Amino acid sequence: MVKTTISIQKSTKMKISEFKLPNETYDELLLRLYENACKRQLEFLNDRTNCVTLDEARDYFKSNYNC
């Protein structure tokens, strides 16, 4: 595996270290945070709360905007 170095502010390292589990490397931490962010993004994109069908949207705009 090829390793690389990234430069971050000391304050940023302190903030993300709050999420670090015992014996977890920063590489593992960042990967875990990334995977959790991906899961949350998919949940957000798949959330059907407050969604309407295209027909409902079309009817709404026709009745409210004289389209």
PDB file of N, CA and C in Angstrom:
ATOM      1  N   MET A   1       0.845  -1.179   0.000  1.00  0.00           N
ATOM      2  CA  MET A   1       0.000   0.000   0.000  1.00  0.00           C
ATOM      3  C   MET A   1       0.889   1.241   0.000  1.00  0.00           C
ATOM      4  N   VAL A   2       0.584   2.163  -0.880  1.00  0.00           N
ATOM      5  CA  VAL A   2       1.321   3.411  -0.954  1.00  0.00           C
ATOM      6  C   VAL A   2       0.731   4.387   0.059  1.00  0.00           C
ATOM      7  N   LYS A   3       1.584   5.026   0.817  1.00  0.00           N
ATOM      8  CA  LYS A   3       1.123   5.997   1.806  1.00  0.00           C
ATOM      9  C   LYS A   3       1.427   7.395   1.318  1.00  0.00           C
ATOM     10  N   THR A   4       0.634   8.335   1.807  1.00  0.00           N
ATOM     11  CA  THR A   4       0.826   9.734   1.460  1.00  0.00           C
ATOM     12  C   THR A   4       0.671  10.572   2.718  1.00  0.00           C
ATOM     13  N   THR A   5       1.080  11.791   2.642  1.00  0.00           N
ATOM     14  CA  THR A   5       0.957  12.698   3.774  1.00  0.00           C
ATOM     15  C   THR A   5       0.001  13.817   3.392  1.00  0.00           C
ATOM     16  N   ILE A   6      -0.912  14.142   4.306  1.00  0.00           N
ATOM     17  CA  ILE A   6      -1.785  15.280   4.090  1.00  0.00           C
ATOM     18  C   ILE A   6      -1.514  16.304   5.182  1.00  0.00           C
ATOM     19  N   SER A   7      -1.643  17.547   4.826  1.00  0.00           N
ATOM     20  CA  SER A   7      -1.386  18.622   5.766  1.00  0.00           C
ATOM     21  C   SER A   7      -2.711  19.172   6.279  1.00  0.00           C
ATOM     22  N   ILE A   8      -2.884  19.153   7.592  1.00  0.00           N
ATOM     23  CA  ILE A   8      -4.090  19.722   8.195  1.00  0.00           C
ATOM     24  C   ILE A   8      -3.688  20.598   9.374  1.00  0.00           C
ATOM     25  N   GLN A   9      -4.557  21.500   9.722  1.00  0.00           N
ATOM     26  CA  GLN A   9      -4.323  22.361  10.874  1.00  0.00           C
ATOM     27  C   GLN A   9      -4.299  21.505  12.148  1.00  0.00           C
ATOM     28  N   LYS A  10      -3.520  21.938  13.123  1.00  0.00           N
ATOM     29  CA  LYS A  10      -3.465  21.217  14.397  1.00  0.00           C
ATOM     30  C   LYS A  10      -4.848  21.182  15.044  1.00  0.00           C
ATOM     31  N   SER A  11      -5.596  22.282  14.904  1.00  0.00           N
ATOM     32  CA  SER A  11      -6.947  22.338  15.482  1.00  0.00           C
ATOM     33  C   SER A  11      -7.872  21.317  14.812  1.00  0.00           C
ATOM     34  N   THR A  12      -7.680  21.085  13.516  1.00  0.00           N
ATOM     35  CA  THR A  12      -8.483  20.092  12.804  1.00  0.00           C
ATOM     36  C   THR A  12      -8.159  18.696  13.313  1.00  0.00           C
ATOM     37  N   LYS A  13      -6.876  18.416  13.504  1.00  0.00           N
ATOM     38  CA  LYS A  13      -6.473  17.105  14.032  1.00  0.00           C
ATOM     39  C   LYS A  13      -7.076  16.887  15.412  1.00  0.00           C
ATOM     40  N   MET A  14      -7.084  17.929  16.230  1.00  0.00           N
ATOM     41  CA  MET A  14      -7.661  17.802  17.572  1.00  0.00           C
ATOM     42  C   MET A  14      -9.157  17.511  17.488  1.00  0.00           C
ATOM     43  N   LYS A  15      -9.840  18.176  16.549  1.00  0.00           N
ATOM     44  CA  LYS A  15     -11.277  17.965  16.414  1.00  0.00           C
ATOM     45  C   LYS A  15     -11.597  16.547  15.959  1.00  0.00           C
ATOM     46  N   ILE A  16     -10.894  16.054  14.922  1.00  0.00           N
ATOM     47  CA  ILE A  16     -11.219  14.708  14.440  1.00  0.00           C
ATOM     48  C   ILE A  16     -10.745  13.626  15.405  1.00  0.00           C
ATOM     49  N   SER A  17      -9.735  13.938  16.218  1.00  0.00           N
ATOM     50  CA  SER A  17      -9.251  12.940  17.174  1.00  0.00           C
ATOM     51  C   SER A  17     -10.303  12.616  18.231  1.00  0.00           C
ATOM     52  N   GLU A  18     -11.280  13.518  18.407  1.00  0.00           N
ATOM     53  CA  GLU A  18     -12.373  13.252  19.347  1.00  0.00           C
ATOM     54  C   GLU A  18     -13.205  12.049  18.903  1.00  0.00           C
ATOM     55  N   PHE A  19     -13.176  11.730  17.621  1.00  0.00           N
ATOM     56  CA  PHE A  19     -13.942  10.604  17.085  1.00  0.00           C
ATOM     57  C   PHE A  19     -13.111   9.320  16.997  1.00  0.00           C
ATOM     58  N   LYS A  20     -11.837   9.426  17.290  1.00  0.00           N
ATOM     59  CA  LYS A  20     -10.914   8.296  17.146  1.00  0.00           C
ATOM     60  C   LYS A  20     -11.158   7.266  18.235  1.00  0.00           C
ATOM     61  N   LEU A  21     -11.274   6.017  17.820  1.00  0.00           N
ATOM     62  CA  LEU A  21     -11.432   4.919  18.771  1.00  0.00           C
ATOM     63  C   LEU A  21     -10.065   4.487  19.285  1.00  0.00           C
ATOM     64  N   PRO A  22     -10.015   3.856  20.459  1.00  0.00           N
ATOM     65  CA  PRO A  22      -8.725   3.379  20.963  1.00  0.00           C
ATOM     66  C   PRO A  22      -8.061   2.428  19.959  1.00  0.00           C
ATOM     67  N   ASN A  23      -6.785   2.583  19.772  1.00  0.00           N
ATOM     68  CA  ASN A  23      -5.979   1.754  18.863  1.00  0.00           C
ATOM     69  C   ASN A  23      -6.347   1.918  17.385  1.00  0.00           C
ATOM     70  N   GLU A  24      -7.145   2.919  17.039  1.00  0.00           N
ATOM     71  CA  GLU A  24      -7.522   3.166  15.653  1.00  0.00           C
ATOM     72  C   GLU A  24      -6.520   4.142  15.048  1.00  0.00           C
ATOM     73  N   THR A  25      -6.081   3.844  13.835  1.00  0.00           N
ATOM     74  CA  THR A  25      -5.175   4.766  13.146  1.00  0.00           C
ATOM     75  C   THR A  25      -5.995   5.908  12.545  1.00  0.00           C
ATOM     76  N   TYR A  26      -5.307   6.991  12.185  1.00  0.00           N
ATOM     77  CA  TYR A  26      -6.013   8.094  11.540  1.00  0.00           C
ATOM     78  C   TYR A  26      -6.538   7.669  10.176  1.00  0.00           C
ATOM     79  N   ASP A  27      -5.849   6.790   9.498  1.00  0.00           N
ATOM     80  CA  ASP A  27      -6.331   6.262   8.229  1.00  0.00           C
ATOM     81  C   ASP A  27      -7.650   5.522   8.438  1.00  0.00           C
ATOM     82  N   GLU A  28      -7.713   4.678   9.452  1.00  0.00           N
ATOM     83  CA  GLU A  28      -8.943   3.946   9.754  1.00  0.00           C
ATOM     84  C   GLU A  28     -10.060   4.902  10.168  1.00  0.00           C
ATOM     85  N   LEU A  29      -9.718   5.905  10.952  1.00  0.00           N
ATOM     86  CA  LEU A  29     -10.699   6.898  11.384  1.00  0.00           C
ATOM     87  C   LEU A  29     -11.299   7.627  10.188  1.00  0.00           C
ATOM     88  N   LEU A  30     -10.434   8.123   9.301  1.00  0.00           N
ATOM     89  CA  LEU A  30     -10.924   8.862   8.142  1.00  0.00           C
ATOM     90  C   LEU A  30     -11.775   7.986   7.227  1.00  0.00           C
ATOM     91  N   LEU A  31     -11.375   6.739   7.056  1.00  0.00           N
ATOM     92  CA  LEU A  31     -12.158   5.812   6.245  1.00  0.00           C
ATOM     93  C   LEU A  31     -13.525   5.564   6.887  1.00  0.00           C
ATOM     94  N   ARG A  32     -13.558   5.400   8.207  1.00  0.00           N
ATOM     95  CA  ARG A  32     -14.827   5.188   8.912  1.00  0.00           C
ATOM     96  C   ARG A  32     -15.730   6.414   8.784  1.00  0.00           C
ATOM     97  N   LEU A  33     -15.169   7.606   8.947  1.00  0.00           N
ATOM     98  CA  LEU A  33     -15.957   8.833   8.802  1.00  0.00           C
ATOM     99  C   LEU A  33     -16.492   8.974   7.380  1.00  0.00           C
ATOM    100  N   TYR A  34     -15.663   8.639   6.398  1.00  0.00           N
ATOM    101  CA  TYR A  34     -16.075   8.687   4.993  1.00  0.00           C
ATOM    102  C   TYR A  34     -17.235   7.721   4.729  1.00  0.00           C
ATOM    103  N   GLU A  35     -17.103   6.486   5.222  1.00  0.00           N
ATOM    104  CA  GLU A  35     -18.148   5.479   5.004  1.00  0.00           C
ATOM    105  C   GLU A  35     -19.455   5.904   5.657  1.00  0.00           C
ATOM    106  N   ASN A  36     -19.369   6.479   6.866  1.00  0.00           N
ATOM    107  CA  ASN A  36     -20.582   6.959   7.539  1.00  0.00           C
ATOM    108  C   ASN A  36     -21.210   8.121   6.771  1.00  0.00           C
ATOM    109  N   ALA A  37     -20.393   9.002   6.233  1.00  0.00           N
ATOM    110  CA  ALA A  37     -20.912  10.125   5.448  1.00  0.00           C
ATOM    111  C   ALA A  37     -21.619   9.611   4.194  1.00  0.00           C
ATOM    112  N   CYS A  38     -21.057   8.602   3.547  1.00  0.00           N
ATOM    113  CA  CYS A  38     -21.682   8.013   2.353  1.00  0.00           C
ATOM    114  C   CYS A  38     -23.035   7.401   2.707  1.00  0.00           C
ATOM    115  N   LYS A  39     -23.111   6.687   3.811  1.00  0.00           N
ATOM    116  CA  LYS A  39     -24.373   6.079   4.238  1.00  0.00           C
ATOM    117  C   LYS A  39     -25.419   7.149   4.516  1.00  0.00           C
ATOM    118  N   ARG A  40     -25.026   8.214   5.209  1.00  0.00           N
ATOM    119  CA  ARG A  40     -25.969   9.291   5.527  1.00  0.00           C
ATOM    120  C   ARG A  40     -26.437   9.993   4.256  1.00  0.00           C
ATOM    121  N   GLN A  41     -25.538  10.171   3.307  1.00  0.00           N
ATOM    122  CA  GLN A  41     -25.912  10.821   2.053  1.00  0.00           C
ATOM    123  C   GLN A  41     -26.916   9.968   1.293  1.00  0.00           C
ATOM    124  N   LEU A  42     -26.699   8.646   1.259  1.00  0.00           N
ATOM    125  CA  LEU A  42     -27.650   7.754   0.593  1.00  0.00           C
ATOM    126  C   LEU A  42     -29.002   7.775   1.290  1.00  0.00           C
ATOM    127  N   GLU A  43     -28.998   7.787   2.625  1.00  0.00           N
ATOM    128  CA  GLU A  43     -30.258   7.861   3.365  1.00  0.00           C
ATOM    129  C   GLU A  43     -30.993   9.150   3.024  1.00  0.00           C
ATOM    130  N   PHE A  44     -30.260  10.253   2.945  1.00  0.00           N
ATOM    131  CA  PHE A  44     -30.868  11.540   2.606  1.00  0.00           C
ATOM    132  C   PHE A  44     -31.457  11.503   1.198  1.00  0.00           C
ATOM    133  N   LEU A  45     -30.701  10.977   0.251  1.00  0.00           N
ATOM    134  CA  LEU A  45     -31.164  10.932  -1.135  1.00  0.00           C
ATOM    135  C   LEU A  45     -32.350  10.003  -1.324  1.00  0.00           C
ATOM    136  N   ASN A  46     -32.445   8.966  -0.494  1.00  0.00           N
ATOM    137  CA  ASN A  46     -33.540   8.006  -0.605  1.00  0.00           C
ATOM    138  C   ASN A  46     -34.742   8.361   0.261  1.00  0.00           C
ATOM    139  N   ASP A  47     -34.645   9.435   1.045  1.00  0.00           N
ATOM    140  CA  ASP A  47     -35.731   9.837   1.936  1.00  0.00           C
ATOM    141  C   ASP A  47     -36.897  10.366   1.102  1.00  0.00           C
ATOM    142  N   ARG A  48     -38.029   9.745   1.239  1.00  0.00           N
ATOM    143  CA  ARG A  48     -39.207  10.134   0.463  1.00  0.00           C
ATOM    144  C   ARG A  48     -40.121  11.089   1.241  1.00  0.00           C
ATOM    145  N   THR A  49     -39.722  11.477   2.441  1.00  0.00           N
ATOM    146  CA  THR A  49     -40.506  12.420   3.224  1.00  0.00           C
ATOM    147  C   THR A  49     -40.604  13.741   2.468  1.00  0.00           C
ATOM    148  N   ASN A  50     -41.764  14.310   2.451  1.00  0.00           N
ATOM    149  CA  ASN A  50     -42.020  15.596   1.789  1.00  0.00           C
ATOM    150  C   ASN A  50     -41.850  15.540   0.270  1.00  0.00           C
ATOM    151  N   CYS A  51     -41.956  14.368  -0.317  1.00  0.00           N
ATOM    152  CA  CYS A  51     -41.864  14.236  -1.773  1.00  0.00           C
ATOM    153  C   CYS A  51     -43.258  14.200  -2.373  1.00  0.00           C
ATOM    154  N   VAL A  52     -43.369  14.670  -3.584  1.00  0.00           N
ATOM    155  CA  VAL A  52     -44.626  14.587  -4.319  1.00  0.00           C
ATOM    156  C   VAL A  52     -44.334  13.958  -5.668  1.00  0.00           C
ATOM    157  N   THR A  53     -45.364  13.437  -6.276  1.00  0.00           N
ATOM    158  CA  THR A  53     -45.190  12.850  -7.604  1.00  0.00           C
ATOM    159  C   THR A  53     -45.059  13.978  -8.623  1.00  0.00           C
ATOM    160  N   LEU A  54     -44.598  13.636  -9.805  1.00  0.00           N
ATOM    161  CA  LEU A  54     -44.508  14.629 -10.880  1.00  0.00           C
ATOM    162  C   LEU A  54     -45.888  15.167 -11.251  1.00  0.00           C
ATOM    163  N   ASP A  55     -46.876  14.291 -11.247  1.00  0.00           N
ATOM    164  CA  ASP A  55     -48.242  14.733 -11.556  1.00  0.00           C
ATOM    165  C   ASP A  55     -48.737  15.729 -10.514  1.00  0.00           C
ATOM    166  N   GLU A  56     -48.469  15.470  -9.237  1.00  0.00           N
ATOM    167  CA  GLU A  56     -48.877  16.402  -8.180  1.00  0.00           C
ATOM    168  C   GLU A  56     -48.174  17.751  -8.334  1.00  0.00           C
ATOM    169  N   ALA A  57     -46.896  17.725  -8.648  1.00  0.00           N
ATOM    170  CA  ALA A  57     -46.140  18.970  -8.838  1.00  0.00           C
ATOM    171  C   ALA A  57     -46.668  19.735 -10.043  1.00  0.00           C
ATOM    172  N   ARG A  58     -46.944  19.019 -11.120  1.00  0.00           N
ATOM    173  CA  ARG A  58     -47.468  19.642 -12.335  1.00  0.00           C
ATOM    174  C   ARG A  58     -48.823  20.295 -12.059  1.00  0.00           C
ATOM    175  N   ASP A  59     -49.699  19.579 -11.352  1.00  0.00           N
ATOM    176  CA  ASP A  59     -51.011  20.124 -11.018  1.00  0.00           C
ATOM    177  C   ASP A  59     -50.890  21.351 -10.126  1.00  0.00           C
ATOM    178  N   TYR A  60     -49.975  21.309  -9.192  1.00  0.00           N
ATOM    179  CA  TYR A  60     -49.761  22.443  -8.282  1.00  0.00           C
ATOM    180  C   TYR A  60     -49.345  23.679  -9.080  1.00  0.00           C
ATOM    181  N   PHE A  61     -48.365  23.523  -9.958  1.00  0.00           N
ATOM    182  CA  PHE A  61     -47.890  24.671 -10.718  1.00  0.00           C
ATOM    183  C   PHE A  61     -48.931  25.176 -11.711  1.00  0.00           C
ATOM    184  N   LYS A  62     -49.694  24.263 -12.302  1.00  0.00           N
ATOM    185  CA  LYS A  62     -50.749  24.683 -13.218  1.00  0.00           C
ATOM    186  C   LYS A  62     -51.787  25.525 -12.492  1.00  0.00           C
ATOM    187  N   SER A  63     -52.164  25.098 -11.288  1.00  0.00           N
ATOM    188  CA  SER A  63     -53.213  25.805 -10.562  1.00  0.00           C
ATOM    189  C   SER A  63     -52.703  27.083  -9.903  1.00  0.00           C
ATOM    190  N   ASN A  64     -51.429  27.182  -9.611  1.00  0.00           N
ATOM    191  CA  ASN A  64     -50.905  28.347  -8.913  1.00  0.00           C
ATOM    192  C   ASN A  64     -50.167  29.339  -9.794  1.00  0.00           C
ATOM    193  N   TYR A  65     -49.754  28.943 -10.962  1.00  0.00           N
ATOM    194  CA  TYR A  65     -48.949  29.816 -11.816  1.00  0.00           C
ATOM    195  C   TYR A  65     -49.498  29.932 -13.229  1.00  0.00           C
ATOM    196  N   ASN A  66     -50.714  29.490 -13.435  1.00  0.00           N
ATOM    197  CA  ASN A  66     -51.363  29.596 -14.748  1.00  0.00           C
ATOM    198  C   ASN A  66     -50.476  29.080 -15.885  1.00  0.00           C
ATOM    199  N   CYS A  67     -49.899  27.942 -15.675  1.00  0.00           N
ATOM    200  CA  CYS A  67     -49.020  27.344 -16.708  1.00  0.00           C
ATOM    201  C   CYS A  67     -49.824  26.434 -17.613  1.00  0.00           C
TER     202      CYS A  67
END
